[in-house]
C-alpha cells in the first residue's frame, strides 16, 4: 500500500498539526527557516528577553529545519544536540509548529512538542534532493555565523516524515 503524502503550506495552522500522526509522509511548501547549534540558542535568548521582533521573521506557524546552508547544499543535522534540542520547547511556545531534522528526541522534548501544539519530522540526509527543492534563500539574522546563520528558504515539495506528534514518537531516545 502506497503511503499518502500530506502537502503542507507555511505558515502552518493548528489544524494542520492536529491532523498529523507519527509516520505520516509530508511535503512542505512555502517559507521555512534554518537554524542549528550556533543560532537556535540566540533565538531562544531573544524570546526570553522579549526581543523576538528583532529576529526579522515571524515564528507563528513556522517550520525550522535543523540545518546549515552552504554552497555544497543543505542537509539535516542531528536534532538531539544539546543546543538544538534544548531550544525546541521555547521555539514551540513562540509559535514554531514543525521542527525538522534527524535523530531521536528525549521523552521530555516530545512532551513539550505536544504541550505547545508542535511536531517533529525527520528527513533523510540526502543533500542533493533537498537542495533541489529550494527555490530561493536569504540570510535573515546572524550573518556572522556564515553557513549556520538563520536563513529563510522558499521550498517546493520538501519531503519529511512526522517523527513526534501528540506525545508519541518513533524516535524516542533512552536516557542514561
N, C-alpha and C. Protein backbone atom coordinates (compact mmCIF):
# COMPACT_ATOMS: atom_id res chain seq x y z
N UNK A 1 0.84 -1.17 0.00
CA UNK A 1 0.00 0.00 0.00
C UNK A 1 0.89 1.24 0.00
N UNK A 2 0.65 2.14 -0.91
CA UNK A 2 1.44 3.36 -1.02
C UNK A 2 1.02 4.36 0.04
N UNK A 3 2.01 4.99 0.67
CA UNK A 3 1.77 5.99 1.71
C UNK A 3 1.28 7.29 1.06
N UNK A 4 0.19 7.84 1.60
CA UNK A 4 -0.31 9.13 1.12
C UNK A 4 0.62 10.24 1.62
N UNK A 5 0.88 11.21 0.78
CA UNK A 5 1.71 12.35 1.15
C UNK A 5 0.80 13.52 1.50
N UNK A 6 1.03 14.10 2.66
CA UNK A 6 0.26 15.26 3.12
C UNK A 6 1.03 16.51 2.73
N UNK A 7 0.40 17.37 1.94
CA UNK A 7 1.05 18.60 1.48
C UNK A 7 0.68 19.73 2.43
N UNK A 8 1.71 20.39 2.97
CA UNK A 8 1.52 21.47 3.94
C UNK A 8 2.16 22.75 3.42
N UNK A 9 1.42 23.85 3.54
CA UNK A 9 1.92 25.15 3.12
C UNK A 9 2.11 26.02 4.36
N UNK A 10 3.26 26.66 4.43
CA UNK A 10 3.56 27.53 5.57
C UNK A 10 2.95 28.90 5.36
N UNK A 11 2.59 29.60 6.45
CA UNK A 11 2.71 29.18 7.84
C UNK A 11 1.67 28.10 8.18
N UNK A 12 2.07 27.18 9.05
CA UNK A 12 1.19 26.08 9.44
C UNK A 12 0.16 26.56 10.45
N UNK A 13 -1.01 25.97 10.38
CA UNK A 13 -2.11 26.31 11.27
C UNK A 13 -2.29 25.19 12.29
N UNK A 14 -2.91 25.47 13.43
CA UNK A 14 -3.15 24.41 14.41
C UNK A 14 -3.86 23.19 13.82
N UNK A 15 -4.80 23.41 12.89
CA UNK A 15 -5.49 22.29 12.25
C UNK A 15 -4.53 21.41 11.45
N UNK A 16 -3.52 22.02 10.83
CA UNK A 16 -2.52 21.24 10.09
C UNK A 16 -1.81 20.28 11.04
N UNK A 17 -1.44 20.78 12.20
CA UNK A 17 -0.72 19.96 13.18
C UNK A 17 -1.64 18.90 13.76
N UNK A 18 -2.88 19.26 14.05
CA UNK A 18 -3.83 18.32 14.67
C UNK A 18 -4.05 17.08 13.81
N UNK A 19 -3.95 17.21 12.50
CA UNK A 19 -4.23 16.05 11.64
C UNK A 19 -3.00 15.17 11.36
N UNK A 20 -1.84 15.57 11.87
CA UNK A 20 -0.62 14.79 11.62
C UNK A 20 -0.43 13.70 12.66
N UNK A 21 0.12 12.58 12.22
CA UNK A 21 0.40 11.45 13.09
C UNK A 21 1.80 10.93 12.78
N UNK A 22 2.40 10.24 13.76
CA UNK A 22 3.73 9.70 13.50
C UNK A 22 3.67 8.77 12.29
N UNK A 23 4.71 8.82 11.52
CA UNK A 23 4.91 8.06 10.27
C UNK A 23 4.22 8.68 9.06
N UNK A 24 3.47 9.78 9.24
CA UNK A 24 2.89 10.46 8.08
C UNK A 24 4.01 11.01 7.20
N UNK A 25 3.84 10.88 5.90
CA UNK A 25 4.77 11.46 4.94
C UNK A 25 4.24 12.84 4.57
N UNK A 26 5.11 13.84 4.65
CA UNK A 26 4.67 15.20 4.34
C UNK A 26 5.58 15.83 3.28
N UNK A 27 5.06 16.85 2.64
CA UNK A 27 5.83 17.72 1.76
C UNK A 27 5.52 19.15 2.19
N UNK A 28 6.55 19.95 2.32
CA UNK A 28 6.40 21.34 2.75
C UNK A 28 6.51 22.28 1.56
N UNK A 29 5.68 23.30 1.57
CA UNK A 29 5.67 24.33 0.54
C UNK A 29 5.67 25.69 1.23
N UNK A 30 6.40 26.63 0.68
CA UNK A 30 6.43 27.97 1.24
C UNK A 30 7.76 28.27 1.91
N UNK A 31 7.71 29.07 2.95
CA UNK A 31 8.91 29.53 3.65
C UNK A 31 9.20 28.64 4.85
N UNK A 32 10.45 28.17 4.95
CA UNK A 32 10.94 27.50 6.15
C UNK A 32 12.22 28.22 6.56
N UNK A 33 12.59 28.06 7.82
CA UNK A 33 13.79 28.69 8.34
C UNK A 33 14.80 27.62 8.73
N UNK A 34 16.08 27.98 8.71
CA UNK A 34 17.12 27.05 9.12
C UNK A 34 17.81 27.58 10.36
N UNK A 35 18.23 26.67 11.20
CA UNK A 35 18.99 27.02 12.39
C UNK A 35 19.56 25.77 13.00
N UNK A 36 20.70 25.93 13.66
CA UNK A 36 21.31 24.80 14.36
C UNK A 36 22.08 25.30 15.56
N UNK A 37 23.11 24.62 15.99
CA UNK A 37 23.83 24.85 17.24
C UNK A 37 24.16 26.31 17.53
N UNK A 38 24.67 27.03 16.54
CA UNK A 38 25.13 28.40 16.76
C UNK A 38 23.99 29.40 16.89
N UNK A 39 22.90 29.18 16.18
CA UNK A 39 21.85 30.20 16.06
C UNK A 39 20.65 29.96 16.97
N UNK A 40 20.21 28.73 17.13
CA UNK A 40 18.98 28.48 17.88
C UNK A 40 19.05 28.99 19.32
N UNK A 41 20.17 28.80 20.05
CA UNK A 41 20.23 29.38 21.40
C UNK A 41 20.12 30.91 21.39
N UNK A 42 20.61 31.56 20.35
CA UNK A 42 20.49 33.02 20.25
C UNK A 42 19.03 33.43 20.07
N UNK A 43 18.29 32.65 19.29
CA UNK A 43 16.87 32.95 19.09
C UNK A 43 16.11 32.74 20.41
N UNK A 44 16.44 31.67 21.14
CA UNK A 44 15.80 31.43 22.43
C UNK A 44 16.10 32.60 23.38
N UNK A 45 17.32 33.12 23.34
CA UNK A 45 17.66 34.28 24.18
C UNK A 45 16.79 35.48 23.82
N UNK A 46 16.59 35.72 22.51
CA UNK A 46 15.71 36.81 22.09
C UNK A 46 14.28 36.61 22.62
N UNK A 47 13.80 35.37 22.59
CA UNK A 47 12.46 35.06 23.10
C UNK A 47 12.40 35.40 24.59
N UNK A 48 13.38 34.90 25.36
CA UNK A 48 13.38 35.10 26.81
C UNK A 48 13.50 36.58 27.18
N UNK A 49 14.19 37.36 26.35
CA UNK A 49 14.38 38.78 26.62
C UNK A 49 13.25 39.64 26.04
N UNK A 50 12.24 38.99 25.43
CA UNK A 50 11.13 39.73 24.85
C UNK A 50 11.52 40.55 23.64
N UNK A 51 12.55 40.11 22.92
CA UNK A 51 13.08 40.84 21.77
C UNK A 51 12.95 40.06 20.47
N UNK A 52 12.00 39.12 20.40
CA UNK A 52 11.86 38.27 19.23
C UNK A 52 11.60 39.08 17.96
N UNK A 53 10.97 40.25 18.11
CA UNK A 53 10.71 41.09 16.93
C UNK A 53 12.00 41.52 16.24
N UNK A 54 13.14 41.46 16.91
CA UNK A 54 14.42 41.81 16.31
C UNK A 54 14.92 40.74 15.33
N UNK A 55 14.32 39.56 15.37
CA UNK A 55 14.76 38.45 14.53
C UNK A 55 14.54 38.72 13.05
N UNK A 56 13.47 39.40 12.71
CA UNK A 56 13.17 39.65 11.30
C UNK A 56 12.38 38.53 10.66
N UNK A 57 11.79 37.67 11.48
CA UNK A 57 10.99 36.56 10.98
C UNK A 57 9.84 36.33 11.96
N UNK A 58 8.67 35.98 11.44
CA UNK A 58 7.52 35.65 12.27
C UNK A 58 7.51 34.15 12.49
N UNK A 59 7.65 33.73 13.73
CA UNK A 59 7.71 32.30 14.03
C UNK A 59 6.34 31.65 14.19
N UNK A 60 5.27 32.42 14.15
CA UNK A 60 3.92 31.84 14.28
C UNK A 60 3.63 30.94 13.07
N UNK A 61 3.48 29.66 13.34
CA UNK A 61 3.21 28.71 12.27
C UNK A 61 4.44 28.32 11.46
N UNK A 62 5.62 28.66 11.97
CA UNK A 62 6.86 28.44 11.22
C UNK A 62 7.34 27.00 11.27
N UNK A 63 8.24 26.71 10.33
CA UNK A 63 8.99 25.47 10.29
C UNK A 63 10.46 25.85 10.44
N UNK A 64 11.16 25.17 11.36
CA UNK A 64 12.61 25.36 11.48
C UNK A 64 13.28 24.06 11.13
N UNK A 65 14.16 24.12 10.15
CA UNK A 65 14.95 22.97 9.68
C UNK A 65 16.31 23.04 10.35
N UNK A 66 16.68 21.99 11.08
CA UNK A 66 17.96 21.93 11.76
C UNK A 66 19.05 21.65 10.72
N UNK A 67 19.55 22.72 10.15
CA UNK A 67 20.49 22.62 9.04
C UNK A 67 21.31 23.90 8.92
N UNK A 68 22.42 23.78 8.26
CA UNK A 68 23.18 24.94 7.81
C UNK A 68 22.94 25.05 6.31
N UNK A 69 23.28 26.19 5.73
CA UNK A 69 23.12 26.39 4.29
C UNK A 69 24.50 26.73 3.74
N UNK A 70 25.02 25.87 2.91
CA UNK A 70 26.34 26.10 2.33
C UNK A 70 26.27 25.98 0.81
N UNK A 71 27.36 26.33 0.16
CA UNK A 71 27.40 26.20 -1.29
C UNK A 71 27.29 24.75 -1.72
N UNK A 72 27.61 23.82 -0.82
CA UNK A 72 27.50 22.40 -1.12
C UNK A 72 26.07 21.90 -1.03
N UNK A 73 25.17 22.71 -0.46
CA UNK A 73 23.78 22.31 -0.33
C UNK A 73 23.32 22.32 1.11
N UNK A 74 22.17 21.72 1.34
CA UNK A 74 21.61 21.64 2.69
C UNK A 74 21.32 20.20 3.04
N UNK A 75 21.38 19.90 4.31
CA UNK A 75 21.05 18.57 4.81
C UNK A 75 20.83 18.68 6.30
N UNK A 76 20.09 17.75 6.89
CA UNK A 76 19.76 17.84 8.30
C UNK A 76 20.97 17.60 9.19
N UNK A 77 20.98 18.27 10.32
CA UNK A 77 21.94 17.96 11.36
C UNK A 77 21.19 17.24 12.47
N UNK A 78 21.91 16.66 13.39
CA UNK A 78 21.30 15.89 14.47
C UNK A 78 20.55 16.81 15.42
N UNK A 79 19.27 16.56 15.59
CA UNK A 79 18.40 17.42 16.38
C UNK A 79 18.56 17.25 17.88
N UNK A 80 19.18 16.15 18.33
CA UNK A 80 19.30 15.98 19.76
C UNK A 80 20.63 16.50 20.31
N UNK A 81 21.34 17.32 19.55
CA UNK A 81 22.48 18.04 20.11
C UNK A 81 21.92 18.97 21.18
N UNK A 82 22.62 19.14 22.28
CA UNK A 82 22.11 19.92 23.41
C UNK A 82 21.59 21.29 22.99
N UNK A 83 22.35 22.02 22.18
CA UNK A 83 21.97 23.38 21.80
C UNK A 83 20.71 23.40 20.94
N UNK A 84 20.49 22.35 20.19
CA UNK A 84 19.31 22.29 19.32
C UNK A 84 18.10 21.78 20.09
N UNK A 85 18.23 20.60 20.71
CA UNK A 85 17.07 20.03 21.39
C UNK A 85 16.58 20.93 22.52
N UNK A 86 17.49 21.57 23.24
CA UNK A 86 17.05 22.43 24.35
C UNK A 86 16.32 23.67 23.86
N UNK A 87 16.45 24.01 22.58
CA UNK A 87 15.74 25.17 22.03
C UNK A 87 14.31 24.84 21.60
N UNK A 88 14.02 23.57 21.39
CA UNK A 88 12.72 23.16 20.83
C UNK A 88 11.53 23.60 21.68
N UNK A 89 11.54 23.42 23.02
CA UNK A 89 10.37 23.87 23.79
C UNK A 89 10.11 25.38 23.66
N UNK A 90 11.13 26.20 23.81
CA UNK A 90 10.93 27.66 23.73
C UNK A 90 10.48 28.09 22.34
N UNK A 91 11.05 27.50 21.31
CA UNK A 91 10.65 27.84 19.95
C UNK A 91 9.21 27.41 19.68
N UNK A 92 8.84 26.25 20.20
CA UNK A 92 7.46 25.78 20.03
C UNK A 92 6.49 26.72 20.74
N UNK A 93 6.84 27.12 21.95
CA UNK A 93 5.98 28.04 22.69
C UNK A 93 5.86 29.38 21.96
N UNK A 94 6.92 29.77 21.23
CA UNK A 94 6.91 31.03 20.48
C UNK A 94 6.15 30.92 19.16
N UNK A 95 5.70 29.72 18.80
CA UNK A 95 4.87 29.58 17.61
C UNK A 95 5.38 28.65 16.53
N UNK A 96 6.62 28.15 16.66
CA UNK A 96 7.12 27.20 15.65
C UNK A 96 6.27 25.94 15.74
N UNK A 97 5.72 25.51 14.62
CA UNK A 97 4.82 24.36 14.61
C UNK A 97 5.49 23.07 14.16
N UNK A 98 6.59 23.16 13.43
CA UNK A 98 7.25 21.95 12.95
C UNK A 98 8.75 22.14 13.02
N UNK A 99 9.42 21.21 13.69
CA UNK A 99 10.88 21.17 13.78
C UNK A 99 11.32 20.01 12.89
N UNK A 100 12.31 20.25 12.06
CA UNK A 100 12.72 19.28 11.04
C UNK A 100 14.21 19.01 11.18
N UNK A 101 14.57 17.74 11.30
CA UNK A 101 15.99 17.39 11.44
C UNK A 101 16.19 15.91 11.27
N UNK A 102 17.08 15.37 12.10
CA UNK A 102 17.29 13.92 12.11
C UNK A 102 17.67 13.52 13.53
N UNK A 103 17.40 12.28 13.86
CA UNK A 103 17.76 11.75 15.16
C UNK A 103 16.59 11.66 16.11
N UNK A 104 16.86 11.05 17.26
CA UNK A 104 15.85 10.79 18.27
C UNK A 104 15.81 11.92 19.30
N UNK A 105 14.61 12.21 19.80
CA UNK A 105 14.42 13.23 20.82
C UNK A 105 14.11 12.57 22.16
N UNK A 106 14.36 13.29 23.24
CA UNK A 106 14.07 12.78 24.58
C UNK A 106 12.56 12.79 24.82
N UNK A 107 12.09 11.98 25.77
CA UNK A 107 10.67 11.99 26.13
C UNK A 107 10.21 13.37 26.59
N UNK A 108 11.07 14.13 27.26
CA UNK A 108 10.71 15.46 27.72
C UNK A 108 10.47 16.41 26.55
N UNK A 109 11.27 16.31 25.52
CA UNK A 109 11.09 17.17 24.35
C UNK A 109 9.83 16.78 23.60
N UNK A 110 9.55 15.49 23.48
CA UNK A 110 8.32 15.04 22.82
C UNK A 110 7.11 15.56 23.59
N UNK A 111 7.18 15.55 24.91
CA UNK A 111 6.08 16.08 25.73
C UNK A 111 5.93 17.59 25.52
N UNK A 112 7.05 18.32 25.41
CA UNK A 112 7.00 19.77 25.18
C UNK A 112 6.39 20.07 23.81
N UNK A 113 6.72 19.28 22.80
CA UNK A 113 6.11 19.45 21.48
C UNK A 113 4.59 19.36 21.60
N UNK A 114 4.14 18.34 22.30
CA UNK A 114 2.70 18.14 22.47
C UNK A 114 2.07 19.29 23.23
N UNK A 115 2.71 19.73 24.29
CA UNK A 115 2.19 20.82 25.11
C UNK A 115 1.97 22.09 24.31
N UNK A 116 2.88 22.39 23.38
CA UNK A 116 2.82 23.64 22.64
C UNK A 116 2.25 23.48 21.23
N UNK A 117 1.66 22.30 20.91
CA UNK A 117 0.99 22.11 19.63
C UNK A 117 1.95 22.07 18.45
N UNK A 118 3.12 21.48 18.66
CA UNK A 118 4.13 21.37 17.61
C UNK A 118 4.43 19.91 17.33
N UNK A 119 5.11 19.65 16.22
CA UNK A 119 5.53 18.29 15.87
C UNK A 119 6.99 18.33 15.42
N UNK A 120 7.57 17.14 15.33
CA UNK A 120 8.94 16.97 14.88
C UNK A 120 8.90 16.01 13.70
N UNK A 121 9.61 16.35 12.63
CA UNK A 121 9.70 15.48 11.45
C UNK A 121 11.16 15.23 11.15
N UNK A 122 11.43 14.09 10.57
CA UNK A 122 12.79 13.74 10.17
C UNK A 122 12.85 13.66 8.65
N UNK A 123 14.02 13.93 8.16
CA UNK A 123 14.26 13.80 6.73
C UNK A 123 15.59 13.10 6.55
N UNK A 124 15.66 12.29 5.55
CA UNK A 124 16.90 11.57 5.29
C UNK A 124 18.00 12.55 4.89
N UNK A 125 19.25 12.26 5.22
CA UNK A 125 20.34 13.16 4.86
C UNK A 125 20.71 13.04 3.39
N UNK A 126 19.86 13.54 2.54
CA UNK A 126 20.05 13.46 1.09
C UNK A 126 20.17 14.89 0.54
N UNK A 127 21.35 15.43 0.65
CA UNK A 127 21.59 16.83 0.33
C UNK A 127 21.15 17.21 -1.08
N UNK A 128 21.44 16.39 -2.05
CA UNK A 128 21.10 16.75 -3.43
C UNK A 128 19.58 16.89 -3.62
N UNK A 129 18.80 15.95 -3.07
CA UNK A 129 17.35 16.01 -3.20
C UNK A 129 16.80 17.25 -2.50
N UNK A 130 17.23 17.48 -1.26
CA UNK A 130 16.71 18.62 -0.51
C UNK A 130 17.07 19.94 -1.17
N UNK A 131 18.29 20.07 -1.62
CA UNK A 131 18.73 21.30 -2.26
C UNK A 131 17.94 21.55 -3.53
N UNK A 132 17.55 20.50 -4.24
CA UNK A 132 16.79 20.68 -5.47
C UNK A 132 15.39 21.22 -5.21
N UNK A 133 14.91 21.14 -3.98
CA UNK A 133 13.57 21.60 -3.62
C UNK A 133 13.57 23.04 -3.09
N UNK A 134 14.75 23.67 -3.04
CA UNK A 134 14.85 25.05 -2.56
C UNK A 134 14.75 25.99 -3.76
N UNK A 135 13.77 26.89 -3.72
CA UNK A 135 13.56 27.85 -4.80
C UNK A 135 14.40 29.10 -4.60
N UNK A 136 14.48 29.56 -3.35
CA UNK A 136 15.30 30.74 -3.04
C UNK A 136 15.76 30.67 -1.60
N UNK A 137 16.80 31.45 -1.30
CA UNK A 137 17.31 31.50 0.07
C UNK A 137 17.90 32.87 0.34
N UNK A 138 17.82 33.28 1.62
CA UNK A 138 18.44 34.52 2.04
C UNK A 138 18.72 34.46 3.54
N UNK A 139 19.73 35.20 3.98
CA UNK A 139 20.06 35.27 5.39
C UNK A 139 19.09 36.23 6.06
N UNK A 140 18.47 35.80 7.16
CA UNK A 140 17.54 36.62 7.93
C UNK A 140 18.25 37.28 9.10
N UNK A 141 19.08 36.52 9.83
CA UNK A 141 19.75 37.04 11.03
C UNK A 141 21.05 36.28 11.27
N UNK A 142 21.90 36.89 12.05
CA UNK A 142 23.19 36.32 12.45
C UNK A 142 24.09 35.96 11.26
N UNK A 143 24.30 36.90 10.33
CA UNK A 143 25.12 36.61 9.15
C UNK A 143 26.57 36.26 9.50
N UNK A 144 27.03 36.72 10.67
CA UNK A 144 28.40 36.41 11.08
C UNK A 144 28.61 34.92 11.36
N UNK A 145 27.53 34.15 11.43
CA UNK A 145 27.65 32.71 11.65
C UNK A 145 27.86 31.95 10.35
N UNK A 146 27.98 32.66 9.24
CA UNK A 146 28.26 32.02 7.95
C UNK A 146 27.16 31.06 7.56
N UNK A 147 27.54 29.82 7.21
CA UNK A 147 26.54 28.85 6.77
C UNK A 147 25.57 28.48 7.88
N UNK A 148 25.90 28.76 9.15
CA UNK A 148 25.00 28.47 10.26
C UNK A 148 24.11 29.67 10.61
N UNK A 149 24.12 30.72 9.80
CA UNK A 149 23.24 31.86 10.03
C UNK A 149 21.79 31.41 9.95
N UNK A 150 20.89 32.27 10.41
CA UNK A 150 19.45 31.98 10.34
C UNK A 150 19.00 32.34 8.93
N UNK A 151 18.64 31.33 8.14
CA UNK A 151 18.24 31.51 6.74
C UNK A 151 16.74 31.35 6.56
N UNK A 152 16.21 32.00 5.55
CA UNK A 152 14.85 31.79 5.08
C UNK A 152 14.98 31.09 3.73
N UNK A 153 14.30 29.95 3.61
CA UNK A 153 14.28 29.20 2.36
C UNK A 153 12.86 29.16 1.84
N UNK A 154 12.70 29.36 0.55
CA UNK A 154 11.41 29.10 -0.08
C UNK A 154 11.53 27.72 -0.71
N UNK A 155 10.62 26.81 -0.36
CA UNK A 155 10.73 25.42 -0.80
C UNK A 155 9.51 24.98 -1.57
N UNK A 156 9.69 23.94 -2.36
CA UNK A 156 8.62 23.39 -3.18
C UNK A 156 8.68 21.87 -3.09
N UNK A 157 7.82 21.29 -2.24
CA UNK A 157 7.77 19.83 -2.12
C UNK A 157 8.89 19.26 -1.28
N UNK A 158 9.27 19.93 -0.21
CA UNK A 158 10.35 19.49 0.67
C UNK A 158 9.87 18.28 1.47
N UNK A 159 10.48 17.09 1.30
CA UNK A 159 9.95 15.86 1.91
C UNK A 159 10.41 15.64 3.35
N UNK A 160 9.53 15.04 4.15
CA UNK A 160 9.87 14.65 5.52
C UNK A 160 8.85 13.64 6.02
N UNK A 161 9.14 13.06 7.18
CA UNK A 161 8.25 12.10 7.83
C UNK A 161 8.03 12.57 9.26
N UNK A 162 6.77 12.61 9.71
CA UNK A 162 6.47 13.02 11.07
C UNK A 162 7.03 11.97 12.04
N UNK A 163 7.88 12.42 12.97
CA UNK A 163 8.53 11.51 13.91
C UNK A 163 8.02 11.67 15.34
N UNK A 164 7.41 12.82 15.67
CA UNK A 164 6.84 13.02 17.00
C UNK A 164 5.62 13.92 16.87
N UNK A 165 4.51 13.45 17.42
CA UNK A 165 3.27 14.23 17.38
C UNK A 165 2.35 13.75 18.49
N UNK A 166 1.70 14.70 19.15
CA UNK A 166 0.67 14.40 20.14
C UNK A 166 1.18 13.47 21.24
N UNK A 167 2.44 13.70 21.68
CA UNK A 167 3.03 12.94 22.77
C UNK A 167 3.58 11.59 22.41
N UNK A 168 3.54 11.21 21.14
CA UNK A 168 4.07 9.92 20.68
C UNK A 168 5.26 10.18 19.77
N UNK A 169 6.18 9.20 19.71
CA UNK A 169 7.37 9.37 18.88
C UNK A 169 7.84 8.04 18.32
N UNK A 170 8.36 8.10 17.11
CA UNK A 170 9.01 6.91 16.53
C UNK A 170 10.50 6.97 16.82
N UNK A 171 10.97 8.10 17.39
CA UNK A 171 12.41 8.28 17.58
C UNK A 171 12.81 8.58 19.00
N UNK A 172 12.04 8.13 19.98
CA UNK A 172 12.41 8.39 21.38
C UNK A 172 13.79 7.80 21.64
N UNK A 173 14.62 8.60 22.28
CA UNK A 173 15.91 8.06 22.70
C UNK A 173 15.84 7.78 24.18
N UNK A 174 16.54 6.76 24.60
CA UNK A 174 16.52 6.41 26.01
C UNK A 174 17.50 7.29 26.77
N UNK A 175 17.17 7.60 27.99
CA UNK A 175 18.03 8.42 28.84
C UNK A 175 18.93 7.48 29.62
N UNK A 176 20.15 7.94 29.88
CA UNK A 176 21.05 7.18 30.74
C UNK A 176 21.90 6.34 29.94
